[in-house]
Amino acid sequence: MSISKQLTVFSGVQPTGNFHLGNYLGALTQWLDLQHKYHSIFCVVDYHAITVPQNAANLKRQVLDIAKIYLAAGINPRRALIFRQSDIAEHTELAWILNCAVARMSDLNKMTQFKDKAGSKNASVGLFDYPVLMAADILLYQTDIVPVGEDQLQHVELARDLAKRFNQQFGHAFTIPEAKINKEGARIMGLDDPTKKMSKSAASPANYIALLDKPETAVKKIKRAVTDSGSDIKYDVKNKPAISNLLTIYSLLANKSIKELERKYTGKGYGDFKNDLAEVVSKFLTDFQIKFHNISDRQVAKIFSQSAKKLRPIARTTLNKVKTNLGL
């Protein structure tokens, strides 16, 4: 099947914070499967990163490191396009057009993530408006499928609404995207609080296991992870959220079913379970980091350049259609 006839998948990650095991298990493992089935486009969304203050040198470094994480995880540049958002100007131009033509203040006032992130009156306009840029990211490539976590569903719904609104008011220009959620492992919870999602921006490093954590550091985090009352190792999100979260991590990294793990640890305590899980996590991080450190900045720069060259004509075609429909 030619690329032109394949469905298109688009997703991206901000080059900020500590990319962690939850990001890997909730997003990247899903991407690995999708790249073999669809025309896959994976972005490092650096324009989204600057909605909050950034150090220029750190941002440049993190952009490269996120791309290396994609590659070390198994995203194949021969199967998927990996690019830097700021390399393609059409993202911001389309976002402005959507802002003016079809986005409404009432749309953005509904966005729960802004309410969670905006802690002061000094929050940038971009932090409020970034869901429209996210919509532009998706719509620019006539995306069919957007793999997201449950917390991002609202943003895909906004992209769908804006696309439908534009198509109805100004003539067809956009494919209406569909969200795809990886149900198992989509929400890896914090090691220090299993009622809250593992987070790149968590105040305490005890919340997450970063993909670039030293394996010995990760082992300590696993052994210190909170557990539930009792000693049974059973998957029960309501009554045993902590052990259920650890079972999910173990299951996905070891490629063993949760039922198989429950049987294995029948009659055993949390200590034995955590020791084995720590070993699994340590081996995963060791193998992953070897791959990560073997990828050079020059390789990433070449992949960015080649992908942008292929994507610009698609972006330009969409934007030209939008502008024509608007009379620009």
C-alpha atoms as a PDB file:
ATOM      1  CA  MET A   1       0.000   0.000   0.000  1.00  0.00           C
ATOM      2  CA  SER A   2       1.413   3.401  -0.930  1.00  0.00           C
ATOM      3  CA  ILE A   3       1.836   6.100   1.708  1.00  0.00           C
ATOM      4  CA  SER A   4      -0.735   8.298  -0.028  1.00  0.00           C
ATOM      5  CA  LYS A   5      -3.425   5.657   0.584  1.00  0.00           C
ATOM      6  CA  GLN A   6      -2.484   4.872   4.162  1.00  0.00           C
ATOM      7  CA  LEU A   7      -4.189   6.421   7.120  1.00  0.00           C
ATOM      8  CA  THR A   8      -2.012   9.027   8.822  1.00  0.00           C
ATOM      9  CA  VAL A   9      -1.058   8.966  12.502  1.00  0.00           C
ATOM     10  CA  PHE A  10       0.267  12.084  14.238  1.00  0.00           C
ATOM     11  CA  SER A  11       1.528  12.552  17.768  1.00  0.00           C
ATOM     12  CA  GLY A  12       4.137  14.567  19.620  1.00  0.00           C
ATOM     13  CA  VAL A  13       5.905  15.133  22.909  1.00  0.00           C
ATOM     14  CA  GLN A  14       7.124  18.332  24.558  1.00  0.00           C
ATOM     15  CA  PRO A  15      10.892  18.527  25.122  1.00  0.00           C
ATOM     16  CA  THR A  16      10.464  19.430  28.782  1.00  0.00           C
ATOM     17  CA  GLY A  17      10.675  17.659  32.108  1.00  0.00           C
ATOM     18  CA  ASN A  18      11.829  14.090  32.629  1.00  0.00           C
ATOM     19  CA  PHE A  19      10.500  11.674  30.013  1.00  0.00           C
ATOM     20  CA  HIS A  20       9.502   8.745  32.172  1.00  0.00           C
ATOM     21  CA  LEU A  21       8.320   5.166  32.215  1.00  0.00           C
ATOM     22  CA  GLY A  22       4.679   6.284  32.094  1.00  0.00           C
ATOM     23  CA  ASN A  23       5.325   8.232  28.879  1.00  0.00           C
ATOM     24  CA  TYR A  24       7.098   5.228  27.418  1.00  0.00           C
ATOM     25  CA  LEU A  25       4.461   2.663  28.356  1.00  0.00           C
ATOM     26  CA  GLY A  26       1.501   4.937  27.671  1.00  0.00           C
ATOM     27  CA  ALA A  27       2.652   6.512  24.401  1.00  0.00           C
ATOM     28  CA  LEU A  28       5.828   5.216  22.804  1.00  0.00           C
ATOM     29  CA  THR A  29       4.965   1.523  22.962  1.00  0.00           C
ATOM     30  CA  GLN A  30       1.763   2.366  21.119  1.00  0.00           C
ATOM     31  CA  TRP A  31       3.715   4.317  18.499  1.00  0.00           C
ATOM     32  CA  LEU A  32       5.971   1.308  17.894  1.00  0.00           C
ATOM     33  CA  ASP A  33       2.981  -0.705  16.770  1.00  0.00           C
ATOM     34  CA  LEU A  34       1.370   2.107  14.783  1.00  0.00           C
ATOM     35  CA  GLN A  35       4.472   2.828  12.688  1.00  0.00           C
ATOM     36  CA  HIS A  36       4.082  -0.561  11.018  1.00  0.00           C
ATOM     37  CA  LYS A  37       0.430   0.009  10.098  1.00  0.00           C
ATOM     38  CA  TYR A  38       0.121   3.681   9.181  1.00  0.00           C
ATOM     39  CA  HIS A  39       1.866   6.677   7.681  1.00  0.00           C
ATOM     40  CA  SER A  40       3.309   7.831  10.988  1.00  0.00           C
ATOM     41  CA  ILE A  41       4.402  11.358  11.900  1.00  0.00           C
ATOM     42  CA  PHE A  42       5.992  11.960  15.299  1.00  0.00           C
ATOM     43  CA  CYS A  43       6.875  15.472  16.364  1.00  0.00           C
ATOM     44  CA  VAL A  44       9.024  17.100  19.017  1.00  0.00           C
ATOM     45  CA  VAL A  45       6.704  20.002  19.857  1.00  0.00           C
ATOM     46  CA  ASP A  46       9.135  22.739  20.853  1.00  0.00           C
ATOM     47  CA  TYR A  47       6.666  25.576  20.211  1.00  0.00           C
ATOM     48  CA  HIS A  48       4.476  24.045  22.917  1.00  0.00           C
ATOM     49  CA  ALA A  49       7.454  23.972  25.265  1.00  0.00           C
ATOM     50  CA  ILE A  50       7.840  27.763  25.162  1.00  0.00           C
ATOM     51  CA  THR A  51       4.363  28.350  26.592  1.00  0.00           C
ATOM     52  CA  VAL A  52       6.314  28.452  29.863  1.00  0.00           C
ATOM     53  CA  PRO A  53       9.778  30.008  30.397  1.00  0.00           C
ATOM     54  CA  GLN A  54      12.698  27.984  29.029  1.00  0.00           C
ATOM     55  CA  ASN A  55      16.468  28.212  29.097  1.00  0.00           C
ATOM     56  CA  ALA A  56      17.584  28.349  25.459  1.00  0.00           C
ATOM     57  CA  ALA A  57      20.539  25.984  25.808  1.00  0.00           C
ATOM     58  CA  ASN A  58      18.516  23.485  27.845  1.00  0.00           C
ATOM     59  CA  LEU A  59      15.649  23.574  25.367  1.00  0.00           C
ATOM     60  CA  LYS A  60      17.971  22.900  22.434  1.00  0.00           C
ATOM     61  CA  ARG A  61      19.478  19.949  24.309  1.00  0.00           C
ATOM     62  CA  GLN A  62      16.110  18.530  25.318  1.00  0.00           C
ATOM     63  CA  VAL A  63      14.769  18.699  21.757  1.00  0.00           C
ATOM     64  CA  LEU A  64      17.619  16.480  20.608  1.00  0.00           C
ATOM     65  CA  ASP A  65      17.251  14.156  23.590  1.00  0.00           C
ATOM     66  CA  ILE A  66      13.525  13.603  23.012  1.00  0.00           C
ATOM     67  CA  ALA A  67      14.273  12.610  19.420  1.00  0.00           C
ATOM     68  CA  LYS A  68      16.939  10.222  20.693  1.00  0.00           C
ATOM     69  CA  ILE A  69      14.383   8.729  23.074  1.00  0.00           C
ATOM     70  CA  TYR A  70      12.041   8.133  20.126  1.00  0.00           C
ATOM     71  CA  LEU A  71      14.826   6.363  18.253  1.00  0.00           C
ATOM     72  CA  ALA A  72      16.111   4.377  21.239  1.00  0.00           C
ATOM     73  CA  ALA A  73      12.573   3.196  21.943  1.00  0.00           C
ATOM     74  CA  GLY A  74      12.384   1.755  18.436  1.00  0.00           C
ATOM     75  CA  ILE A  75      10.781   4.418  16.256  1.00  0.00           C
ATOM     76  CA  ASN A  76      12.309   3.685  12.858  1.00  0.00           C
ATOM     77  CA  PRO A  77      13.001   6.749  10.663  1.00  0.00           C
ATOM     78  CA  ARG A  78      12.540   4.523   7.629  1.00  0.00           C
ATOM     79  CA  ARG A  79       8.963   3.881   8.709  1.00  0.00           C
ATOM     80  CA  ALA A  80       8.047   7.087  10.531  1.00  0.00           C
ATOM     81  CA  LEU A  81       8.830  10.757  10.093  1.00  0.00           C
ATOM     82  CA  ILE A  82      10.413  12.354  13.166  1.00  0.00           C
ATOM     83  CA  PHE A  83      10.575  16.142  13.040  1.00  0.00           C
ATOM     84  CA  ARG A  84      10.940  19.314  15.054  1.00  0.00           C
ATOM     85  CA  GLN A  85       7.791  21.458  15.124  1.00  0.00           C
ATOM     86  CA  SER A  86       9.629  24.763  14.728  1.00  0.00           C
ATOM     87  CA  ASP A  87      11.199  23.556  11.457  1.00  0.00           C
ATOM     88  CA  ILE A  88       7.823  23.913   9.713  1.00  0.00           C
ATOM     89  CA  ALA A  89       6.384  27.433   9.821  1.00  0.00           C
ATOM     90  CA  GLU A  90       2.930  26.317   8.731  1.00  0.00           C
ATOM     91  CA  HIS A  91       2.151  25.125  12.271  1.00  0.00           C
ATOM     92  CA  THR A  92       2.018  28.614  13.704  1.00  0.00           C
ATOM     93  CA  GLU A  93       0.431  30.155  10.615  1.00  0.00           C
ATOM     94  CA  LEU A  94      -2.423  27.653  10.671  1.00  0.00           C
ATOM     95  CA  ALA A  95      -2.835  28.117  14.434  1.00  0.00           C
ATOM     96  CA  TRP A  96      -3.344  31.868  13.919  1.00  0.00           C
ATOM     97  CA  ILE A  97      -5.899  31.257  11.179  1.00  0.00           C
ATOM     98  CA  LEU A  98      -7.806  28.793  13.370  1.00  0.00           C
ATOM     99  CA  ASN A  99      -7.681  31.281  16.244  1.00  0.00           C
ATOM    100  CA  CYS A 100      -9.345  33.916  14.123  1.00  0.00           C
ATOM    101  CA  ALA A 101     -11.684  31.885  11.937  1.00  0.00           C
ATOM    102  CA  VAL A 102     -13.148  29.147  14.130  1.00  0.00           C
ATOM    103  CA  ALA A 103     -11.701  28.995  17.657  1.00  0.00           C
ATOM    104  CA  ARG A 104     -13.746  30.661  20.378  1.00  0.00           C
ATOM    105  CA  MET A 105     -12.912  31.838  23.884  1.00  0.00           C
ATOM    106  CA  SER A 106     -15.664  29.525  25.109  1.00  0.00           C
ATOM    107  CA  ASP A 107     -13.782  26.566  23.585  1.00  0.00           C
ATOM    108  CA  LEU A 108     -10.583  27.369  25.443  1.00  0.00           C
ATOM    109  CA  ASN A 109     -12.285  28.232  28.714  1.00  0.00           C
ATOM    110  CA  LYS A 110     -13.384  24.590  28.856  1.00  0.00           C
ATOM    111  CA  MET A 111      -9.817  23.249  28.706  1.00  0.00           C
ATOM    112  CA  THR A 112      -9.099  21.679  32.066  1.00  0.00           C
ATOM    113  CA  GLN A 113      -5.337  21.474  31.568  1.00  0.00           C
ATOM    114  CA  PHE A 114      -4.977  25.264  31.460  1.00  0.00           C
ATOM    115  CA  LYS A 115      -6.738  25.476  34.803  1.00  0.00           C
ATOM    116  CA  ASP A 116      -4.317  22.887  36.182  1.00  0.00           C
ATOM    117  CA  LYS A 117      -1.183  24.571  34.790  1.00  0.00           C
ATOM    118  CA  ALA A 118      -1.903  28.279  35.136  1.00  0.00           C
ATOM    119  CA  GLY A 119      -0.809  29.081  38.653  1.00  0.00           C
ATOM    120  CA  SER A 120      -0.425  32.847  38.362  1.00  0.00           C
ATOM    121  CA  LYS A 121      -1.579  35.964  36.554  1.00  0.00           C
ATOM    122  CA  ASN A 122       1.733  35.895  34.686  1.00  0.00           C
ATOM    123  CA  ALA A 123       0.769  32.753  32.727  1.00  0.00           C
ATOM    124  CA  SER A 124       1.406  33.340  29.026  1.00  0.00           C
ATOM    125  CA  VAL A 125      -1.320  33.775  26.420  1.00  0.00           C
ATOM    126  CA  GLY A 126       0.277  30.805  24.689  1.00  0.00           C
ATOM    127  CA  LEU A 127      -0.399  28.582  27.693  1.00  0.00           C
ATOM    128  CA  PHE A 128      -4.084  29.432  27.355  1.00  0.00           C
ATOM    129  CA  ASP A 129      -4.104  29.095  23.567  1.00  0.00           C
ATOM    130  CA  TYR A 130      -1.853  26.075  23.033  1.00  0.00           C
ATOM    131  CA  PRO A 131      -4.781  23.681  22.381  1.00  0.00           C
ATOM    132  CA  VAL A 132      -5.379  25.583  19.125  1.00  0.00           C
ATOM    133  CA  LEU A 133      -1.744  25.101  18.140  1.00  0.00           C
ATOM    134  CA  MET A 134      -2.164  21.427  18.992  1.00  0.00           C
ATOM    135  CA  ALA A 135      -5.190  21.322  16.708  1.00  0.00           C
ATOM    136  CA  ALA A 136      -3.121  22.938  13.957  1.00  0.00           C
ATOM    137  CA  ASP A 137      -0.371  20.332  14.464  1.00  0.00           C
ATOM    138  CA  ILE A 138      -2.898  17.558  13.943  1.00  0.00           C
ATOM    139  CA  LEU A 139      -4.938  19.061  11.112  1.00  0.00           C
ATOM    140  CA  LEU A 140      -1.985  20.275   9.065  1.00  0.00           C
ATOM    141  CA  TYR A 141      -1.119  16.732   7.945  1.00  0.00           C
ATOM    142  CA  GLN A 142      -4.698  15.540   7.322  1.00  0.00           C
ATOM    143  CA  THR A 143      -4.322  13.249  10.300  1.00  0.00           C
ATOM    144  CA  ASP A 144      -6.699  10.308  10.661  1.00  0.00           C
ATOM    145  CA  ILE A 145      -5.563   8.921  14.027  1.00  0.00           C
ATOM    146  CA  VAL A 146      -4.142  10.627  17.113  1.00  0.00           C
ATOM    147  CA  PRO A 147      -2.795   8.254  19.794  1.00  0.00           C
ATOM    148  CA  VAL A 148      -3.281   9.979  23.146  1.00  0.00           C
ATOM    149  CA  GLY A 149      -3.697   9.372  26.832  1.00  0.00           C
ATOM    150  CA  GLU A 150      -7.076   9.940  28.421  1.00  0.00           C
ATOM    151  CA  ASP A 151      -5.950  13.335  29.731  1.00  0.00           C
ATOM    152  CA  GLN A 152      -5.415  14.540  26.152  1.00  0.00           C
ATOM    153  CA  LEU A 153      -8.781  13.434  24.773  1.00  0.00           C
ATOM    154  CA  GLN A 154     -10.220  16.893  25.269  1.00  0.00           C
ATOM    155  CA  HIS A 155      -7.594  18.357  22.952  1.00  0.00           C
ATOM    156  CA  VAL A 156      -8.388  15.919  20.154  1.00  0.00           C
ATOM    157  CA  GLU A 157     -12.069  16.753  20.573  1.00  0.00           C
ATOM    158  CA  LEU A 158     -11.198  20.428  20.123  1.00  0.00           C
ATOM    159  CA  ALA A 159      -9.258  19.623  16.951  1.00  0.00           C
ATOM    160  CA  ARG A 160     -12.276  17.699  15.658  1.00  0.00           C
ATOM    161  CA  ASP A 161     -14.640  20.563  16.511  1.00  0.00           C
ATOM    162  CA  LEU A 162     -12.453  23.177  14.831  1.00  0.00           C
ATOM    163  CA  ALA A 163     -12.048  21.040  11.717  1.00  0.00           C
ATOM    164  CA  LYS A 164     -15.783  20.422  11.440  1.00  0.00           C
ATOM    165  CA  ARG A 165     -16.542  24.096  12.041  1.00  0.00           C
ATOM    166  CA  PHE A 166     -14.091  25.209   9.360  1.00  0.00           C
ATOM    167  CA  ASN A 167     -15.284  22.626   6.821  1.00  0.00           C
ATOM    168  CA  GLN A 168     -18.916  23.653   7.359  1.00  0.00           C
ATOM    169  CA  GLN A 169     -18.348  27.405   7.267  1.00  0.00           C
ATOM    170  CA  PHE A 170     -15.643  27.762   4.627  1.00  0.00           C
ATOM    171  CA  GLY A 171     -15.582  24.525   2.617  1.00  0.00           C
ATOM    172  CA  HIS A 172     -13.814  21.242   3.153  1.00  0.00           C
ATOM    173  CA  ALA A 173     -10.139  21.582   4.053  1.00  0.00           C
ATOM    174  CA  PHE A 174      -9.498  19.130   6.886  1.00  0.00           C
ATOM    175  CA  THR A 175      -9.723  15.435   7.646  1.00  0.00           C
ATOM    176  CA  ILE A 176     -11.606  14.859  10.912  1.00  0.00           C
ATOM    177  CA  PRO A 177      -9.155  13.035  13.232  1.00  0.00           C
ATOM    178  CA  GLU A 178     -10.022  10.222  15.619  1.00  0.00           C
ATOM    179  CA  ALA A 179      -8.408   9.662  19.017  1.00  0.00           C
ATOM    180  CA  LYS A 180      -6.874   6.274  19.772  1.00  0.00           C
ATOM    181  CA  ILE A 181      -6.290   5.348  23.408  1.00  0.00           C
ATOM    182  CA  ASN A 182      -4.093   2.472  24.472  1.00  0.00           C
ATOM    183  CA  LYS A 183      -6.300   1.139  27.259  1.00  0.00           C
ATOM    184  CA  GLU A 184      -3.751  -1.040  29.043  1.00  0.00           C
ATOM    185  CA  GLY A 185      -0.988   1.051  30.522  1.00  0.00           C
ATOM    186  CA  ALA A 186      -2.467   4.308  29.248  1.00  0.00           C
ATOM    187  CA  ARG A 187      -2.348   5.713  32.774  1.00  0.00           C
ATOM    188  CA  ILE A 188       0.763   4.730  34.660  1.00  0.00           C
ATOM    189  CA  MET A 189       0.381   6.233  38.113  1.00  0.00           C
ATOM    190  CA  GLY A 190       2.905   7.879  40.410  1.00  0.00           C
ATOM    191  CA  LEU A 191       5.091   5.667  42.586  1.00  0.00           C
ATOM    192  CA  ASP A 192       4.519   8.019  45.500  1.00  0.00           C
ATOM    193  CA  ASP A 193       0.776   8.463  44.952  1.00  0.00           C
ATOM    194  CA  PRO A 194      -1.093   5.821  42.906  1.00  0.00           C
ATOM    195  CA  THR A 195      -4.172   8.053  42.697  1.00  0.00           C
ATOM    196  CA  LYS A 196      -2.354  10.540  40.446  1.00  0.00           C
ATOM    197  CA  LYS A 197      -0.771   9.985  37.045  1.00  0.00           C
ATOM    198  CA  MET A 198       3.012   9.677  36.806  1.00  0.00           C
ATOM    199  CA  SER A 199       4.120  13.149  35.731  1.00  0.00           C
ATOM    200  CA  LYS A 200       7.162  14.703  34.027  1.00  0.00           C
ATOM    201  CA  SER A 201       6.633  17.842  36.081  1.00  0.00           C
ATOM    202  CA  ALA A 202       6.062  16.160  39.448  1.00  0.00           C
ATOM    203  CA  ALA A 203       7.557  18.072  42.381  1.00  0.00           C
ATOM    204  CA  SER A 204       9.180  14.930  43.764  1.00  0.00           C
ATOM    205  CA  PRO A 205      11.443  12.629  41.707  1.00  0.00           C
ATOM    206  CA  ALA A 206       9.989   9.786  43.781  1.00  0.00           C
ATOM    207  CA  ASN A 207       6.870  10.111  41.605  1.00  0.00           C
ATOM    208  CA  TYR A 208       8.433   8.793  38.411  1.00  0.00           C
ATOM    209  CA  ILE A 209      11.166   6.679  36.877  1.00  0.00           C
ATOM    210  CA  ALA A 210      12.828   8.760  34.161  1.00  0.00           C
ATOM    211  CA  LEU A 211      14.124   6.863  31.143  1.00  0.00           C
ATOM    212  CA  LEU A 212      17.503   8.444  31.796  1.00  0.00           C
ATOM    213  CA  ASP A 213      17.545   7.690  35.535  1.00  0.00           C
ATOM    214  CA  LYS A 214      20.555   5.652  36.601  1.00  0.00           C
ATOM    215  CA  PRO A 215      19.379   2.030  36.986  1.00  0.00           C
ATOM    216  CA  GLU A 216      20.450   2.014  40.638  1.00  0.00           C
ATOM    217  CA  THR A 217      18.348   5.131  41.242  1.00  0.00           C
ATOM    218  CA  ALA A 218      15.333   3.441  39.652  1.00  0.00           C
ATOM    219  CA  VAL A 219      15.848   0.372  41.832  1.00  0.00           C
ATOM    220  CA  LYS A 220      15.682   2.556  44.957  1.00  0.00           C
ATOM    221  CA  LYS A 221      12.504   4.254  43.684  1.00  0.00           C
ATOM    222  CA  ILE A 222      10.797   0.910  43.097  1.00  0.00           C
ATOM    223  CA  LYS A 223      11.740  -0.391  46.525  1.00  0.00           C
ATOM    224  CA  ARG A 224      10.457   2.804  48.147  1.00  0.00           C
ATOM    225  CA  ALA A 225       7.242   2.929  46.108  1.00  0.00           C
ATOM    226  CA  VAL A 226       4.112   3.094  48.232  1.00  0.00           C
ATOM    227  CA  THR A 227       2.069  -0.081  48.668  1.00  0.00           C
ATOM    228  CA  ASP A 228      -1.408  -0.876  49.899  1.00  0.00           C
ATOM    229  CA  SER A 229      -2.596  -2.392  53.149  1.00  0.00           C
ATOM    230  CA  GLY A 230      -2.488  -6.164  53.306  1.00  0.00           C
ATOM    231  CA  SER A 231       0.065  -8.313  51.533  1.00  0.00           C
ATOM    232  CA  ASP A 232      -1.756  -9.987  48.623  1.00  0.00           C
ATOM    233  CA  ILE A 233      -0.386  -9.202  45.198  1.00  0.00           C
ATOM    234  CA  LYS A 234      -3.647  -8.770  43.322  1.00  0.00           C
ATOM    235  CA  TYR A 235      -4.775  -6.441  40.553  1.00  0.00           C
ATOM    236  CA  ASP A 236      -7.589  -4.367  42.072  1.00  0.00           C
ATOM    237  CA  VAL A 237      -7.441  -0.713  41.069  1.00  0.00           C
ATOM    238  CA  LYS A 238     -10.155   0.348  43.508  1.00  0.00           C
ATOM    239  CA  ASN A 239      -8.908  -1.369  46.639  1.00  0.00           C
ATOM    240  CA  LYS A 240      -5.210  -1.876  45.828  1.00  0.00           C
ATOM    241  CA  PRO A 241      -4.243   0.991  43.491  1.00  0.00           C
ATOM    242  CA  ALA A 242      -0.533   0.970  44.363  1.00  0.00           C
ATOM    243  CA  ILE A 243       0.142  -2.722  43.747  1.00  0.00           C
ATOM    244  CA  SER A 244      -2.129  -2.634  40.689  1.00  0.00           C
ATOM    245  CA  ASN A 245       0.043   0.129  39.219  1.00  0.00           C
ATOM    246  CA  LEU A 246       3.244  -1.812  39.916  1.00  0.00           C
ATOM    247  CA  LEU A 247       1.708  -4.933  38.382  1.00  0.00           C
ATOM    248  CA  THR A 248       0.886  -2.953  35.235  1.00  0.00           C
ATOM    249  CA  ILE A 249       4.465  -1.690  34.940  1.00  0.00           C
ATOM    250  CA  TYR A 250       5.851  -5.198  35.547  1.00  0.00           C
ATOM    251  CA  SER A 251       3.445  -6.754  33.051  1.00  0.00           C
ATOM    252  CA  LEU A 252       4.250  -4.326  30.251  1.00  0.00           C
ATOM    253  CA  LEU A 253       8.031  -4.347  30.717  1.00  0.00           C
ATOM    254  CA  ALA A 254       8.335  -8.121  31.187  1.00  0.00           C
ATOM    255  CA  ASN A 255       5.691  -8.942  28.568  1.00  0.00           C
ATOM    256  CA  LYS A 256       3.828 -11.143  31.039  1.00  0.00           C
ATOM    257  CA  SER A 257       0.127 -11.051  31.777  1.00  0.00           C
ATOM    258  CA  ILE A 258      -1.060  -9.671  35.090  1.00  0.00           C
ATOM    259  CA  LYS A 259      -2.787 -12.994  35.802  1.00  0.00           C
ATOM    260  CA  GLU A 260       0.541 -14.775  35.301  1.00  0.00           C
ATOM    261  CA  LEU A 261       2.227 -12.391  37.731  1.00  0.00           C
ATOM    262  CA  GLU A 262      -0.542 -12.829  40.304  1.00  0.00           C
ATOM    263  CA  ARG A 263      -0.019 -16.592  40.178  1.00  0.00           C
ATOM    264  CA  LYS A 264       3.770 -16.215  40.421  1.00  0.00           C
ATOM    265  CA  TYR A 265       3.541 -14.155  43.603  1.00  0.00           C
ATOM    266  CA  THR A 266       0.779 -16.058  45.351  1.00  0.00           C
ATOM    267  CA  GLY A 267       1.858 -16.465  48.961  1.00  0.00           C
ATOM    268  CA  LYS A 268       4.780 -14.062  48.533  1.00  0.00           C
ATOM    269  CA  GLY A 269       5.099 -10.577  49.976  1.00  0.00           C
ATOM    270  CA  TYR A 270       5.606  -7.103  48.599  1.00  0.00           C
ATOM    271  CA  GLY A 271       9.352  -7.326  49.244  1.00  0.00           C
ATOM    272  CA  ASP A 272       9.889 -10.253  46.865  1.00  0.00           C
ATOM    273  CA  PHE A 273       7.649  -8.646  44.264  1.00  0.00           C
ATOM    274  CA  LYS A 274       9.416  -5.276  44.424  1.00  0.00           C
ATOM    275  CA  ASN A 275      12.871  -6.862  44.249  1.00  0.00           C
ATOM    276  CA  ASP A 276      11.943  -8.692  41.045  1.00  0.00           C
ATOM    277  CA  LEU A 277      10.239  -5.645  39.540  1.00  0.00           C
ATOM    278  CA  ALA A 278      13.310  -3.530  40.358  1.00  0.00           C
ATOM    279  CA  GLU A 279      15.461  -6.034  38.471  1.00  0.00           C
ATOM    280  CA  VAL A 280      13.144  -5.879  35.450  1.00  0.00           C
ATOM    281  CA  VAL A 281      13.174  -2.065  35.453  1.00  0.00           C
ATOM    282  CA  SER A 282      16.960  -1.927  35.894  1.00  0.00           C
ATOM    283  CA  LYS A 283      17.554  -4.222  32.916  1.00  0.00           C
ATOM    284  CA  PHE A 284      15.115  -2.240  30.765  1.00  0.00           C
ATOM    285  CA  LEU A 285      16.805   1.083  31.590  1.00  0.00           C
ATOM    286  CA  THR A 286      20.300  -0.323  31.043  1.00  0.00           C
ATOM    287  CA  ASP A 287      19.412  -1.642  27.589  1.00  0.00           C
ATOM    288  CA  PHE A 288      17.492   1.504  26.681  1.00  0.00           C
ATOM    289  CA  GLN A 289      20.262   3.872  27.730  1.00  0.00           C
ATOM    290  CA  ILE A 290      22.894   1.997  25.735  1.00  0.00           C
ATOM    291  CA  LYS A 291      20.796   2.614  22.625  1.00  0.00           C
ATOM    292  CA  PHE A 292      20.169   6.247  23.606  1.00  0.00           C
ATOM    293  CA  HIS A 293      23.845   7.090  24.074  1.00  0.00           C
ATOM    294  CA  ASN A 294      24.792   5.456  20.770  1.00  0.00           C
ATOM    295  CA  ILE A 295      22.705   8.005  18.822  1.00  0.00           C
ATOM    296  CA  SER A 296      24.586  11.181  17.888  1.00  0.00           C
ATOM    297  CA  ASP A 297      23.284  14.738  17.644  1.00  0.00           C
ATOM    298  CA  ARG A 298      24.346  14.690  13.986  1.00  0.00           C
ATOM    299  CA  GLN A 299      22.103  11.688  13.302  1.00  0.00           C
ATOM    300  CA  VAL A 300      19.146  13.473  14.889  1.00  0.00           C
ATOM    301  CA  ALA A 301      19.798  16.662  12.906  1.00  0.00           C
ATOM    302  CA  LYS A 302      19.859  14.651   9.669  1.00  0.00           C
ATOM    303  CA  ILE A 303      16.577  12.903  10.527  1.00  0.00           C
ATOM    304  CA  PHE A 304      14.945  16.247  11.388  1.00  0.00           C
ATOM    305  CA  SER A 305      16.076  17.734   8.080  1.00  0.00           C
ATOM    306  CA  GLN A 306      14.973  14.773   5.948  1.00  0.00           C
ATOM    307  CA  SER A 307      11.572  14.538   7.649  1.00  0.00           C
ATOM    308  CA  ALA A 308      10.881  18.273   7.374  1.00  0.00           C
ATOM    309  CA  LYS A 309      11.703  18.152   3.677  1.00  0.00           C
ATOM    310  CA  LYS A 310       9.044  15.451   3.182  1.00  0.00           C
ATOM    311  CA  LEU A 311       6.438  17.109   5.391  1.00  0.00           C
ATOM    312  CA  ARG A 312       6.626  20.709   4.158  1.00  0.00           C
ATOM    313  CA  PRO A 313       4.776  20.000   0.877  1.00  0.00           C
ATOM    314  CA  ILE A 314       1.921  18.344   2.822  1.00  0.00           C
ATOM    315  CA  ALA A 315       1.749  21.248   5.261  1.00  0.00           C
ATOM    316  CA  ARG A 316       1.889  23.821   2.468  1.00  0.00           C
ATOM    317  CA  THR A 317      -0.891  22.066   0.518  1.00  0.00           C
ATOM    318  CA  THR A 318      -3.205  22.092   3.536  1.00  0.00           C
ATOM    319  CA  LEU A 319      -2.440  25.701   4.383  1.00  0.00           C
ATOM    320  CA  ASN A 320      -2.943  26.844   0.808  1.00  0.00           C
ATOM    321  CA  LYS A 321      -6.344  25.157   0.723  1.00  0.00           C
ATOM    322  CA  VAL A 322      -7.324  26.823   4.006  1.00  0.00           C
ATOM    323  CA  LYS A 323      -6.230  30.252   2.787  1.00  0.00           C
ATOM    324  CA  THR A 324      -8.020  29.831  -0.541  1.00  0.00           C
ATOM    325  CA  ASN A 325     -11.239  28.865   1.239  1.00  0.00           C
ATOM    326  CA  LEU A 326     -10.948  31.958   3.437  1.00  0.00           C
ATOM    327  CA  GLY A 327     -10.275  34.276   0.518  1.00  0.00           C
ATOM    328  CA  LEU A 328      -6.705  35.020   1.562  1.00  0.00           C
END
